[in-house]
Amino acid sequence: CKSIQIDPKALAIPIVAFANADGGVVAIGVSDKTRTIEGVDQDTQKLNNLLRVPFDFCNPSISVTCSYEPCTDKDGNENRILLMHIPASSSLHTNQADEAFMRVGDKSRKLTFDERVQLMYDKGERSFEDTAVYGATVNDLNMDAVAKYVDLLGYSKSSMEYLKENFGVAWNKLKTKASILEVAEKFNIEFVVK
């Protein structure tokens, strides 16, 4: 439950959190502090600003479905409560400040960097194999094992040329975990990034 007086930036947090989790519904027009029914009909400008939050304050935009429930507000007037139905998303969403949140129970919890990366893996936005390995170089490989393999193949160029042509190893660097795993598997070798 959120008040019609909620700041649009603040409303982005639970919307992002629901989209990053299993989805959910935000009811707007009920004070979250006093639990009194305010409704949303008395302030159309504020309502319009809140309806734009999934587009203006969430990255990427979140496709919410809105519905209204009739109610009687705290002053005895007929009014409505806005229900924002937020679907679970297959993408990671953030607010305008590039903060990611996840709905846990009845709270929106800010994700740490590692939790955010893990969520991206879980949602299929990133893969472990594509992760950059900073500082890994060909020097971390057992080049004697590579040389033996190149000799067995009868390859006429150097071991380094073979690596460059067959694994995209350029500038003496191993770019991703996939390239390291592929080279290690091919030559049945082990190495440690220094």
N, C-alpha and C. Protein backbone atom coordinates (compact mmCIF):
# COMPACT_ATOMS: atom_id res chain seq x y z
N CYS A 1 0.84 -1.19 0.00
CA CYS A 1 0.00 0.00 0.00
C CYS A 1 0.87 1.24 0.00
N LYS A 2 0.51 2.17 -0.84
CA LYS A 2 1.25 3.43 -0.95
C LYS A 2 0.26 4.59 -1.00
N SER A 3 0.66 5.70 -0.42
CA SER A 3 -0.16 6.90 -0.44
C SER A 3 -0.13 7.54 -1.83
N ILE A 4 -1.19 8.24 -2.18
CA ILE A 4 -1.21 9.02 -3.42
C ILE A 4 -0.13 10.10 -3.38
N GLN A 5 0.35 10.44 -2.20
CA GLN A 5 1.37 11.48 -2.03
C GLN A 5 2.80 10.96 -2.21
N ILE A 6 2.97 9.68 -2.51
CA ILE A 6 4.31 9.12 -2.66
C ILE A 6 5.06 9.82 -3.79
N ASP A 7 6.35 10.03 -3.57
CA ASP A 7 7.20 10.62 -4.59
C ASP A 7 7.39 9.59 -5.71
N PRO A 8 7.29 10.01 -6.97
CA PRO A 8 7.46 9.05 -8.08
C PRO A 8 8.76 8.25 -8.02
N LYS A 9 9.86 8.89 -7.61
CA LYS A 9 11.13 8.16 -7.50
C LYS A 9 11.03 7.06 -6.45
N ALA A 10 10.32 7.33 -5.38
CA ALA A 10 10.16 6.33 -4.32
C ALA A 10 9.27 5.17 -4.78
N LEU A 11 8.28 5.47 -5.61
CA LEU A 11 7.40 4.41 -6.12
C LEU A 11 8.15 3.46 -7.05
N ALA A 12 9.19 3.95 -7.71
CA ALA A 12 9.97 3.10 -8.61
C ALA A 12 10.61 1.93 -7.87
N ILE A 13 10.94 2.11 -6.60
CA ILE A 13 11.63 1.07 -5.85
C ILE A 13 10.79 -0.20 -5.73
N PRO A 14 9.54 -0.14 -5.22
CA PRO A 14 8.77 -1.40 -5.16
C PRO A 14 8.41 -1.96 -6.54
N ILE A 15 8.24 -1.09 -7.53
CA ILE A 15 7.93 -1.58 -8.88
C ILE A 15 9.12 -2.38 -9.41
N VAL A 16 10.32 -1.84 -9.28
CA VAL A 16 11.54 -2.53 -9.71
C VAL A 16 11.71 -3.83 -8.91
N ALA A 17 11.49 -3.76 -7.60
CA ALA A 17 11.66 -4.93 -6.74
C ALA A 17 10.72 -6.07 -7.14
N PHE A 18 9.47 -5.75 -7.42
CA PHE A 18 8.52 -6.78 -7.84
C PHE A 18 8.92 -7.36 -9.20
N ALA A 19 9.32 -6.51 -10.13
CA ALA A 19 9.70 -6.98 -11.47
C ALA A 19 10.92 -7.89 -11.38
N ASN A 20 11.85 -7.61 -10.49
CA ASN A 20 13.04 -8.44 -10.34
C ASN A 20 12.76 -9.73 -9.58
N ALA A 21 11.63 -9.79 -8.89
CA ALA A 21 11.27 -10.99 -8.13
C ALA A 21 10.18 -11.75 -8.89
N ASP A 22 9.11 -12.09 -8.21
CA ASP A 22 8.03 -12.89 -8.79
C ASP A 22 6.83 -12.07 -9.22
N GLY A 23 6.99 -10.75 -9.32
CA GLY A 23 5.87 -9.89 -9.65
C GLY A 23 5.07 -9.56 -8.39
N GLY A 24 4.04 -8.73 -8.57
CA GLY A 24 3.22 -8.35 -7.43
C GLY A 24 2.29 -7.21 -7.77
N VAL A 25 1.62 -6.71 -6.75
CA VAL A 25 0.65 -5.63 -6.92
C VAL A 25 0.95 -4.53 -5.91
N VAL A 26 0.96 -3.30 -6.39
CA VAL A 26 1.09 -2.13 -5.52
C VAL A 26 -0.25 -1.42 -5.52
N ALA A 27 -0.81 -1.23 -4.33
CA ALA A 27 -2.07 -0.50 -4.18
C ALA A 27 -1.75 0.94 -3.82
N ILE A 28 -2.23 1.87 -4.64
CA ILE A 28 -1.97 3.29 -4.40
C ILE A 28 -3.29 3.97 -4.05
N GLY A 29 -3.25 4.72 -2.95
CA GLY A 29 -4.44 5.39 -2.46
C GLY A 29 -4.77 4.96 -1.04
N VAL A 30 -3.88 4.19 -0.43
CA VAL A 30 -4.01 3.78 0.96
C VAL A 30 -2.73 4.20 1.66
N SER A 31 -2.84 5.03 2.67
CA SER A 31 -1.66 5.52 3.38
C SER A 31 -0.91 4.35 4.00
N ASP A 32 0.37 4.23 3.67
CA ASP A 32 1.15 3.14 4.24
C ASP A 32 1.54 3.41 5.69
N LYS A 33 1.39 4.65 6.15
CA LYS A 33 1.70 4.96 7.54
C LYS A 33 0.49 4.82 8.46
N THR A 34 -0.65 5.40 8.04
CA THR A 34 -1.84 5.39 8.90
C THR A 34 -2.85 4.32 8.50
N ARG A 35 -2.64 3.69 7.35
CA ARG A 35 -3.55 2.68 6.79
C ARG A 35 -4.96 3.22 6.54
N THR A 36 -5.05 4.53 6.34
CA THR A 36 -6.34 5.11 5.99
C THR A 36 -6.49 5.15 4.48
N ILE A 37 -7.74 5.06 4.02
CA ILE A 37 -8.01 5.07 2.58
C ILE A 37 -8.12 6.52 2.12
N GLU A 38 -7.22 6.89 1.22
CA GLU A 38 -7.19 8.25 0.66
C GLU A 38 -7.87 8.29 -0.70
N GLY A 39 -7.69 7.22 -1.47
CA GLY A 39 -8.16 7.21 -2.85
C GLY A 39 -7.18 7.97 -3.74
N VAL A 40 -7.50 8.01 -5.05
CA VAL A 40 -6.60 8.66 -6.01
C VAL A 40 -7.29 9.71 -6.86
N ASP A 41 -8.62 9.82 -6.76
CA ASP A 41 -9.36 10.69 -7.67
C ASP A 41 -9.21 12.18 -7.38
N GLN A 42 -8.78 12.56 -6.18
CA GLN A 42 -8.72 13.97 -5.80
C GLN A 42 -7.52 14.70 -6.39
N ASP A 43 -6.55 13.98 -6.97
CA ASP A 43 -5.34 14.64 -7.47
C ASP A 43 -4.92 13.98 -8.79
N THR A 44 -5.58 14.41 -9.89
CA THR A 44 -5.31 13.77 -11.19
C THR A 44 -3.89 14.02 -11.68
N GLN A 45 -3.30 15.17 -11.37
CA GLN A 45 -1.92 15.44 -11.79
C GLN A 45 -0.96 14.47 -11.10
N LYS A 46 -1.15 14.31 -9.80
CA LYS A 46 -0.30 13.38 -9.04
C LYS A 46 -0.51 11.95 -9.55
N LEU A 47 -1.76 11.58 -9.83
CA LEU A 47 -2.06 10.25 -10.35
C LEU A 47 -1.36 10.02 -11.68
N ASN A 48 -1.44 10.99 -12.57
CA ASN A 48 -0.77 10.86 -13.88
C ASN A 48 0.74 10.71 -13.73
N ASN A 49 1.33 11.45 -12.79
CA ASN A 49 2.77 11.32 -12.55
C ASN A 49 3.12 9.91 -12.06
N LEU A 50 2.28 9.35 -11.21
CA LEU A 50 2.54 8.00 -10.69
C LEU A 50 2.35 6.94 -11.77
N LEU A 51 1.40 7.17 -12.67
CA LEU A 51 1.19 6.22 -13.77
C LEU A 51 2.38 6.18 -14.73
N ARG A 52 3.17 7.24 -14.76
CA ARG A 52 4.34 7.30 -15.64
C ARG A 52 5.60 6.68 -15.03
N VAL A 53 5.55 6.36 -13.76
CA VAL A 53 6.74 5.85 -13.06
C VAL A 53 7.36 4.63 -13.76
N PRO A 54 6.60 3.63 -14.17
CA PRO A 54 7.23 2.46 -14.80
C PRO A 54 7.99 2.80 -16.09
N PHE A 55 7.67 3.92 -16.70
CA PHE A 55 8.32 4.34 -17.94
C PHE A 55 9.43 5.34 -17.70
N ASP A 56 9.19 6.28 -16.77
CA ASP A 56 10.13 7.39 -16.55
C ASP A 56 11.18 7.11 -15.49
N PHE A 57 10.93 6.19 -14.56
CA PHE A 57 11.83 6.00 -13.43
C PHE A 57 12.36 4.57 -13.31
N CYS A 58 12.05 3.70 -14.27
CA CYS A 58 12.52 2.32 -14.24
C CYS A 58 13.31 2.04 -15.52
N ASN A 59 14.42 1.33 -15.36
CA ASN A 59 15.28 1.05 -16.50
C ASN A 59 15.59 -0.44 -16.57
N PRO A 60 15.24 -1.14 -17.65
CA PRO A 60 14.36 -0.68 -18.71
C PRO A 60 12.94 -0.51 -18.20
N SER A 61 12.10 0.11 -19.02
CA SER A 61 10.70 0.33 -18.64
C SER A 61 10.03 -0.99 -18.28
N ILE A 62 9.08 -0.91 -17.39
CA ILE A 62 8.36 -2.10 -16.95
C ILE A 62 6.91 -1.99 -17.42
N SER A 63 6.43 -3.01 -18.06
CA SER A 63 5.06 -3.02 -18.59
C SER A 63 4.10 -3.46 -17.49
N VAL A 64 3.50 -2.50 -16.83
CA VAL A 64 2.55 -2.80 -15.77
C VAL A 64 1.12 -2.71 -16.31
N THR A 65 0.22 -3.39 -15.65
CA THR A 65 -1.20 -3.30 -15.97
C THR A 65 -1.87 -2.62 -14.78
N CYS A 66 -2.70 -1.63 -15.07
CA CYS A 66 -3.36 -0.89 -13.99
C CYS A 66 -4.86 -1.17 -14.00
N SER A 67 -5.41 -1.22 -12.80
CA SER A 67 -6.86 -1.34 -12.65
C SER A 67 -7.24 -0.49 -11.43
N TYR A 68 -8.53 -0.24 -11.31
CA TYR A 68 -9.02 0.59 -10.21
C TYR A 68 -10.08 -0.19 -9.43
N GLU A 69 -10.06 -0.02 -8.13
CA GLU A 69 -11.07 -0.60 -7.25
C GLU A 69 -11.85 0.54 -6.61
N PRO A 70 -13.17 0.51 -6.71
CA PRO A 70 -13.95 1.57 -6.04
C PRO A 70 -13.80 1.45 -4.53
N CYS A 71 -13.87 2.59 -3.86
CA CYS A 71 -13.75 2.61 -2.40
C CYS A 71 -14.45 3.85 -1.86
N THR A 72 -14.57 3.90 -0.57
CA THR A 72 -15.03 5.10 0.13
C THR A 72 -13.83 5.61 0.91
N ASP A 73 -13.42 6.85 0.64
CA ASP A 73 -12.21 7.37 1.28
C ASP A 73 -12.48 7.78 2.73
N LYS A 74 -11.45 8.24 3.40
CA LYS A 74 -11.52 8.60 4.83
C LYS A 74 -12.52 9.71 5.12
N ASP A 75 -12.87 10.52 4.09
CA ASP A 75 -13.84 11.60 4.25
C ASP A 75 -15.26 11.18 3.90
N GLY A 76 -15.45 9.91 3.57
CA GLY A 76 -16.77 9.40 3.23
C GLY A 76 -17.17 9.59 1.78
N ASN A 77 -16.23 9.99 0.93
CA ASN A 77 -16.52 10.21 -0.49
C ASN A 77 -16.23 8.96 -1.30
N GLU A 78 -16.99 8.79 -2.40
CA GLU A 78 -16.67 7.70 -3.32
C GLU A 78 -15.36 8.03 -4.01
N ASN A 79 -14.50 7.04 -4.14
CA ASN A 79 -13.17 7.25 -4.68
C ASN A 79 -12.70 5.95 -5.30
N ARG A 80 -11.44 5.90 -5.70
CA ARG A 80 -10.87 4.67 -6.26
C ARG A 80 -9.45 4.46 -5.73
N ILE A 81 -9.07 3.20 -5.68
CA ILE A 81 -7.69 2.82 -5.36
C ILE A 81 -7.08 2.29 -6.65
N LEU A 82 -5.89 2.75 -6.97
CA LEU A 82 -5.16 2.29 -8.15
C LEU A 82 -4.39 1.03 -7.79
N LEU A 83 -4.55 -0.01 -8.59
CA LEU A 83 -3.77 -1.25 -8.43
C LEU A 83 -2.82 -1.37 -9.62
N MET A 84 -1.54 -1.37 -9.33
CA MET A 84 -0.52 -1.56 -10.37
C MET A 84 -0.06 -3.02 -10.29
N HIS A 85 -0.37 -3.77 -11.34
CA HIS A 85 0.00 -5.19 -11.41
C HIS A 85 1.35 -5.26 -12.14
N ILE A 86 2.38 -5.70 -11.41
CA ILE A 86 3.73 -5.75 -11.96
C ILE A 86 4.08 -7.21 -12.23
N PRO A 87 4.37 -7.54 -13.48
CA PRO A 87 4.74 -8.93 -13.79
C PRO A 87 6.20 -9.21 -13.43
N ALA A 88 6.50 -10.47 -13.18
CA ALA A 88 7.90 -10.87 -13.05
C ALA A 88 8.57 -10.66 -14.40
N SER A 89 9.78 -10.20 -14.39
CA SER A 89 10.47 -9.88 -15.64
C SER A 89 11.63 -10.83 -15.88
N SER A 90 11.94 -11.04 -17.14
CA SER A 90 13.10 -11.85 -17.50
C SER A 90 14.36 -10.99 -17.61
N SER A 91 14.24 -9.70 -17.31
CA SER A 91 15.37 -8.77 -17.34
C SER A 91 15.62 -8.21 -15.94
N LEU A 92 16.82 -7.75 -15.73
CA LEU A 92 17.13 -7.03 -14.49
C LEU A 92 16.68 -5.59 -14.67
N HIS A 93 15.97 -5.05 -13.68
CA HIS A 93 15.50 -3.68 -13.73
C HIS A 93 16.15 -2.87 -12.61
N THR A 94 16.34 -1.58 -12.88
CA THR A 94 16.89 -0.66 -11.88
C THR A 94 16.06 0.61 -11.86
N ASN A 95 16.28 1.42 -10.84
CA ASN A 95 15.64 2.74 -10.81
C ASN A 95 16.53 3.74 -11.53
N GLN A 96 16.16 5.01 -11.51
CA GLN A 96 16.95 6.03 -12.22
C GLN A 96 18.36 6.18 -11.67
N ALA A 97 18.56 5.83 -10.42
CA ALA A 97 19.89 5.92 -9.80
C ALA A 97 20.71 4.66 -10.05
N ASP A 98 20.24 3.79 -10.95
CA ASP A 98 20.90 2.54 -11.30
C ASP A 98 21.05 1.62 -10.09
N GLU A 99 20.04 1.62 -9.21
CA GLU A 99 20.01 0.72 -8.07
C GLU A 99 19.02 -0.39 -8.37
N ALA A 100 19.41 -1.62 -8.07
CA ALA A 100 18.53 -2.77 -8.28
C ALA A 100 17.96 -3.20 -6.93
N PHE A 101 16.68 -3.60 -6.94
CA PHE A 101 16.00 -4.04 -5.73
C PHE A 101 15.31 -5.36 -6.00
N MET A 102 15.08 -6.12 -4.93
CA MET A 102 14.36 -7.38 -5.01
C MET A 102 13.34 -7.40 -3.89
N ARG A 103 12.14 -7.88 -4.20
CA ARG A 103 11.10 -7.97 -3.18
C ARG A 103 11.35 -9.22 -2.34
N VAL A 104 11.52 -9.02 -1.05
CA VAL A 104 11.71 -10.11 -0.10
C VAL A 104 10.68 -9.91 1.00
N GLY A 105 9.68 -10.79 1.04
CA GLY A 105 8.57 -10.62 2.00
C GLY A 105 7.81 -9.36 1.64
N ASP A 106 7.65 -8.47 2.61
CA ASP A 106 6.93 -7.22 2.34
C ASP A 106 7.87 -6.03 2.24
N LYS A 107 9.15 -6.29 1.96
CA LYS A 107 10.16 -5.22 1.86
C LYS A 107 10.85 -5.28 0.50
N SER A 108 11.28 -4.12 0.04
CA SER A 108 12.10 -4.02 -1.16
C SER A 108 13.54 -3.87 -0.70
N ARG A 109 14.35 -4.87 -0.99
CA ARG A 109 15.73 -4.89 -0.52
C ARG A 109 16.68 -4.53 -1.64
N LYS A 110 17.58 -3.57 -1.38
CA LYS A 110 18.57 -3.15 -2.36
C LYS A 110 19.59 -4.28 -2.53
N LEU A 111 19.93 -4.59 -3.78
CA LEU A 111 20.87 -5.66 -4.07
C LEU A 111 22.30 -5.16 -4.07
N THR A 112 23.19 -5.99 -3.55
CA THR A 112 24.62 -5.69 -3.63
C THR A 112 25.08 -5.95 -5.06
N PHE A 113 26.30 -5.57 -5.37
CA PHE A 113 26.83 -5.79 -6.71
C PHE A 113 26.82 -7.28 -7.05
N ASP A 114 27.30 -8.12 -6.12
CA ASP A 114 27.34 -9.57 -6.38
C ASP A 114 25.95 -10.15 -6.55
N GLU A 115 24.98 -9.70 -5.76
CA GLU A 115 23.60 -10.18 -5.90
C GLU A 115 23.01 -9.76 -7.24
N ARG A 116 23.36 -8.58 -7.66
CA ARG A 116 22.88 -8.07 -8.95
C ARG A 116 23.44 -8.91 -10.10
N VAL A 117 24.74 -9.21 -10.06
CA VAL A 117 25.35 -10.04 -11.09
C VAL A 117 24.72 -11.43 -11.08
N GLN A 118 24.51 -12.00 -9.89
CA GLN A 118 23.88 -13.32 -9.80
C GLN A 118 22.48 -13.31 -10.39
N LEU A 119 21.72 -12.25 -10.14
CA LEU A 119 20.38 -12.14 -10.70
C LEU A 119 20.44 -12.07 -12.23
N MET A 120 21.44 -11.37 -12.75
CA MET A 120 21.60 -11.31 -14.21
C MET A 120 21.91 -12.70 -14.78
N TYR A 121 22.73 -13.47 -14.07
CA TYR A 121 22.98 -14.86 -14.49
C TYR A 121 21.68 -15.65 -14.45
N ASP A 122 20.94 -15.52 -13.34
CA ASP A 122 19.69 -16.27 -13.17
C ASP A 122 18.67 -15.95 -14.25
N LYS A 123 18.63 -14.69 -14.67
CA LYS A 123 17.67 -14.26 -15.68
C LYS A 123 18.18 -14.49 -17.10
N GLY A 124 19.41 -14.99 -17.23
CA GLY A 124 19.97 -15.28 -18.55
C GLY A 124 20.49 -14.07 -19.29
N GLU A 125 20.65 -12.94 -18.59
CA GLU A 125 21.17 -11.74 -19.24
C GLU A 125 22.68 -11.79 -19.39
N ARG A 126 23.33 -12.54 -18.53
CA ARG A 126 24.78 -12.72 -18.59
C ARG A 126 25.05 -14.20 -18.48
N SER A 127 26.15 -14.63 -19.04
CA SER A 127 26.56 -16.00 -18.83
C SER A 127 27.96 -16.01 -18.23
N PHE A 128 28.20 -17.01 -17.43
CA PHE A 128 29.48 -17.12 -16.74
C PHE A 128 30.62 -17.11 -17.74
N GLU A 129 30.44 -17.80 -18.85
CA GLU A 129 31.51 -17.95 -19.83
C GLU A 129 31.88 -16.62 -20.48
N ASP A 130 30.96 -15.67 -20.54
CA ASP A 130 31.23 -14.39 -21.17
C ASP A 130 31.85 -13.37 -20.22
N THR A 131 32.02 -13.74 -18.97
CA THR A 131 32.57 -12.83 -17.99
C THR A 131 34.04 -12.58 -18.27
N ALA A 132 34.42 -11.33 -18.27
CA ALA A 132 35.82 -10.97 -18.51
C ALA A 132 36.70 -11.46 -17.37
N VAL A 133 37.88 -11.90 -17.72
CA VAL A 133 38.86 -12.33 -16.73
C VAL A 133 40.00 -11.32 -16.80
N TYR A 134 39.97 -10.37 -15.88
CA TYR A 134 40.94 -9.29 -15.90
C TYR A 134 42.30 -9.80 -15.43
N GLY A 135 43.30 -9.47 -16.20
CA GLY A 135 44.66 -9.83 -15.82
C GLY A 135 45.11 -11.20 -16.31
N ALA A 136 44.22 -12.02 -16.86
CA ALA A 136 44.63 -13.34 -17.35
C ALA A 136 45.34 -13.17 -18.68
N THR A 137 46.49 -13.81 -18.80
CA THR A 137 47.25 -13.74 -20.04
C THR A 137 47.62 -15.15 -20.48
N VAL A 138 48.15 -15.24 -21.66
CA VAL A 138 48.61 -16.52 -22.18
C VAL A 138 49.74 -17.05 -21.31
N ASN A 139 50.45 -16.17 -20.64
CA ASN A 139 51.53 -16.59 -19.74
C ASN A 139 51.01 -17.46 -18.59
N ASP A 140 49.71 -17.41 -18.33
CA ASP A 140 49.12 -18.23 -17.29
C ASP A 140 48.90 -19.67 -17.76
N LEU A 141 49.06 -19.90 -19.07
CA LEU A 141 48.92 -21.25 -19.62
C LEU A 141 50.24 -22.00 -19.54
N ASN A 142 50.15 -23.30 -19.56
CA ASN A 142 51.34 -24.13 -19.66
C ASN A 142 51.69 -24.20 -21.14
N MET A 143 52.55 -23.31 -21.58
CA MET A 143 52.86 -23.20 -23.00
C MET A 143 53.62 -24.42 -23.52
N ASP A 144 54.28 -25.17 -22.63
CA ASP A 144 54.93 -26.42 -23.06
C ASP A 144 53.87 -27.41 -23.53
N ALA A 145 52.75 -27.50 -22.79
CA ALA A 145 51.68 -28.41 -23.20
C ALA A 145 51.06 -27.96 -24.53
N VAL A 146 50.92 -26.65 -24.71
CA VAL A 146 50.39 -26.13 -25.97
C VAL A 146 51.35 -26.46 -27.11
N ALA A 147 52.65 -26.28 -26.88
CA ALA A 147 53.66 -26.55 -27.90
C ALA A 147 53.65 -28.02 -28.30
N LYS A 148 53.52 -28.92 -27.33
CA LYS A 148 53.46 -30.36 -27.63
C LYS A 148 52.25 -30.67 -28.50
N TYR A 149 51.12 -30.06 -28.16
CA TYR A 149 49.90 -30.29 -28.93
C TYR A 149 50.06 -29.78 -30.36
N VAL A 150 50.63 -28.60 -30.52
CA VAL A 150 50.85 -28.01 -31.84
C VAL A 150 51.77 -28.90 -32.67
N ASP A 151 52.81 -29.46 -32.02
CA ASP A 151 53.72 -30.37 -32.72
C ASP A 151 52.98 -31.63 -33.18
N LEU A 152 52.12 -32.18 -32.30
CA LEU A 152 51.35 -33.37 -32.66
C LEU A 152 50.46 -33.11 -33.87
N LEU A 153 49.93 -31.88 -33.95
CA LEU A 153 49.08 -31.53 -35.08
C LEU A 153 49.87 -31.32 -36.37
N GLY A 154 51.17 -31.09 -36.22
CA GLY A 154 51.99 -30.77 -37.38
C GLY A 154 51.76 -29.35 -37.86
N TYR A 155 51.35 -28.49 -36.96
CA TYR A 155 51.08 -27.09 -37.27
C TYR A 155 52.40 -26.38 -37.51
N SER A 156 52.50 -25.63 -38.59
CA SER A 156 53.79 -25.05 -38.98
C SER A 156 54.12 -23.72 -38.30
N LYS A 157 53.15 -23.12 -37.66
CA LYS A 157 53.41 -21.82 -37.02
C LYS A 157 53.65 -22.02 -35.53
N SER A 158 53.89 -20.93 -34.84
CA SER A 158 54.19 -20.99 -33.41
C SER A 158 52.94 -21.32 -32.59
N SER A 159 53.18 -21.71 -31.35
CA SER A 159 52.08 -22.00 -30.42
C SER A 159 51.19 -20.77 -30.25
N MET A 160 51.80 -19.60 -30.16
CA MET A 160 51.03 -18.37 -29.99
C MET A 160 50.16 -18.10 -31.21
N GLU A 161 50.69 -18.33 -32.41
CA GLU A 161 49.89 -18.14 -33.63
C GLU A 161 48.71 -19.10 -33.63
N TYR A 162 48.94 -20.33 -33.21
CA TYR A 162 47.86 -21.32 -33.14
C TYR A 162 46.75 -20.82 -32.20
N LEU A 163 47.14 -20.33 -31.03
CA LEU A 163 46.16 -19.83 -30.07
C LEU A 163 45.38 -18.65 -30.65
N LYS A 164 46.08 -17.73 -31.30
CA LYS A 164 45.42 -16.56 -31.88
C LYS A 164 44.42 -16.96 -32.96
N GLU A 165 44.83 -17.87 -33.84
CA GLU A 165 43.98 -18.26 -34.95
C GLU A 165 42.79 -19.13 -34.54
N ASN A 166 42.97 -19.93 -33.48
CA ASN A 166 41.93 -20.89 -33.12
C ASN A 166 41.10 -20.51 -31.91
N PHE A 167 41.58 -19.60 -31.10
CA PHE A 167 40.84 -19.25 -29.89
C PHE A 167 40.65 -17.75 -29.72
N GLY A 168 41.08 -16.95 -30.69
CA GLY A 168 40.89 -15.51 -30.59
C GLY A 168 41.74 -14.89 -29.51
N VAL A 169 42.83 -15.53 -29.14
CA VAL A 169 43.71 -14.98 -28.12
C VAL A 169 44.54 -13.89 -28.78
N ALA A 170 44.29 -12.67 -28.41
CA ALA A 170 44.98 -11.55 -29.04
C ALA A 170 45.63 -10.68 -27.98
N TRP A 171 46.65 -9.96 -28.37
CA TRP A 171 47.36 -9.05 -27.48
C TRP A 171 47.82 -9.74 -26.20
N ASN A 172 48.08 -11.03 -26.33
CA ASN A 172 48.60 -11.82 -25.21
C ASN A 172 47.64 -11.88 -24.02
N LYS A 173 46.34 -11.72 -24.27
CA LYS A 173 45.36 -11.74 -23.17
C LYS A 173 44.28 -12.76 -23.46
N LEU A 174 43.79 -13.38 -22.41
CA LEU A 174 42.63 -14.26 -22.51
C LEU A 174 41.44 -13.40 -22.09
N LYS A 175 40.51 -13.16 -23.00
CA LYS A 175 39.47 -12.16 -22.78
C LYS A 175 38.36 -12.62 -21.83
N THR A 176 37.91 -13.87 -21.97
CA THR A 176 36.75 -14.31 -21.19
C THR A 176 37.02 -15.65 -20.54
N LYS A 177 36.16 -16.00 -19.59
CA LYS A 177 36.27 -17.30 -18.95
C LYS A 177 36.07 -18.41 -19.98
N ALA A 178 35.25 -18.17 -20.98
CA ALA A 178 35.02 -19.18 -22.02
C ALA A 178 36.31 -19.47 -22.77
N SER A 179 37.08 -18.42 -23.11
CA SER A 179 38.32 -18.67 -23.85
C SER A 179 39.32 -19.43 -22.99
N ILE A 180 39.36 -19.14 -21.70
CA ILE A 180 40.27 -19.86 -20.81
C ILE A 180 39.84 -21.32 -20.71
N LEU A 181 38.54 -21.55 -20.50
CA LEU A 181 38.04 -22.92 -20.37
C LEU A 181 38.26 -23.71 -21.65
N GLU A 182 38.05 -23.07 -22.79
CA GLU A 182 38.20 -23.75 -24.07
C GLU A 182 39.65 -24.15 -24.31
N VAL A 183 40.59 -23.24 -24.03
CA VAL A 183 42.01 -23.54 -24.21
C VAL A 183 42.42 -24.65 -23.25
N ALA A 184 42.00 -24.53 -22.00
CA ALA A 184 42.39 -25.54 -21.00
C ALA A 184 41.85 -26.91 -21.36
N GLU A 185 40.61 -26.97 -21.84
CA GLU A 185 40.01 -28.25 -22.21
C GLU A 185 40.72 -28.84 -23.43
N LYS A 186 41.00 -28.02 -24.40
CA LYS A 186 41.63 -28.48 -25.64
C LYS A 186 42.98 -29.12 -25.36
N PHE A 187 43.75 -28.50 -24.49
CA PHE A 187 45.11 -28.99 -24.23
C PHE A 187 45.20 -29.81 -22.95
N ASN A 188 44.05 -30.03 -22.32
CA ASN A 188 44.00 -30.81 -21.09
C ASN A 188 45.04 -30.29 -20.09
N ILE A 189 45.02 -29.00 -19.86
CA ILE A 189 45.98 -28.37 -18.97
C ILE A 189 45.27 -27.58 -17.88
N GLU A 190 46.00 -27.32 -16.82
CA GLU A 190 45.49 -26.50 -15.74
C GLU A 190 46.38 -25.28 -15.60
N PHE A 191 45.80 -24.20 -15.18
CA PHE A 191 46.57 -22.98 -14.93
C PHE A 191 45.79 -22.14 -13.95
N VAL A 192 46.48 -21.22 -13.34
CA VAL A 192 45.88 -20.34 -12.35
C VAL A 192 46.15 -18.90 -12.77
N VAL A 193 45.10 -18.06 -12.69
CA VAL A 193 45.32 -16.65 -12.95
C VAL A 193 46.10 -16.07 -11.79
N LYS A 194 47.17 -15.38 -12.11
CA LYS A 194 48.05 -14.83 -11.06
C LYS A 194 47.39 -13.70 -10.31
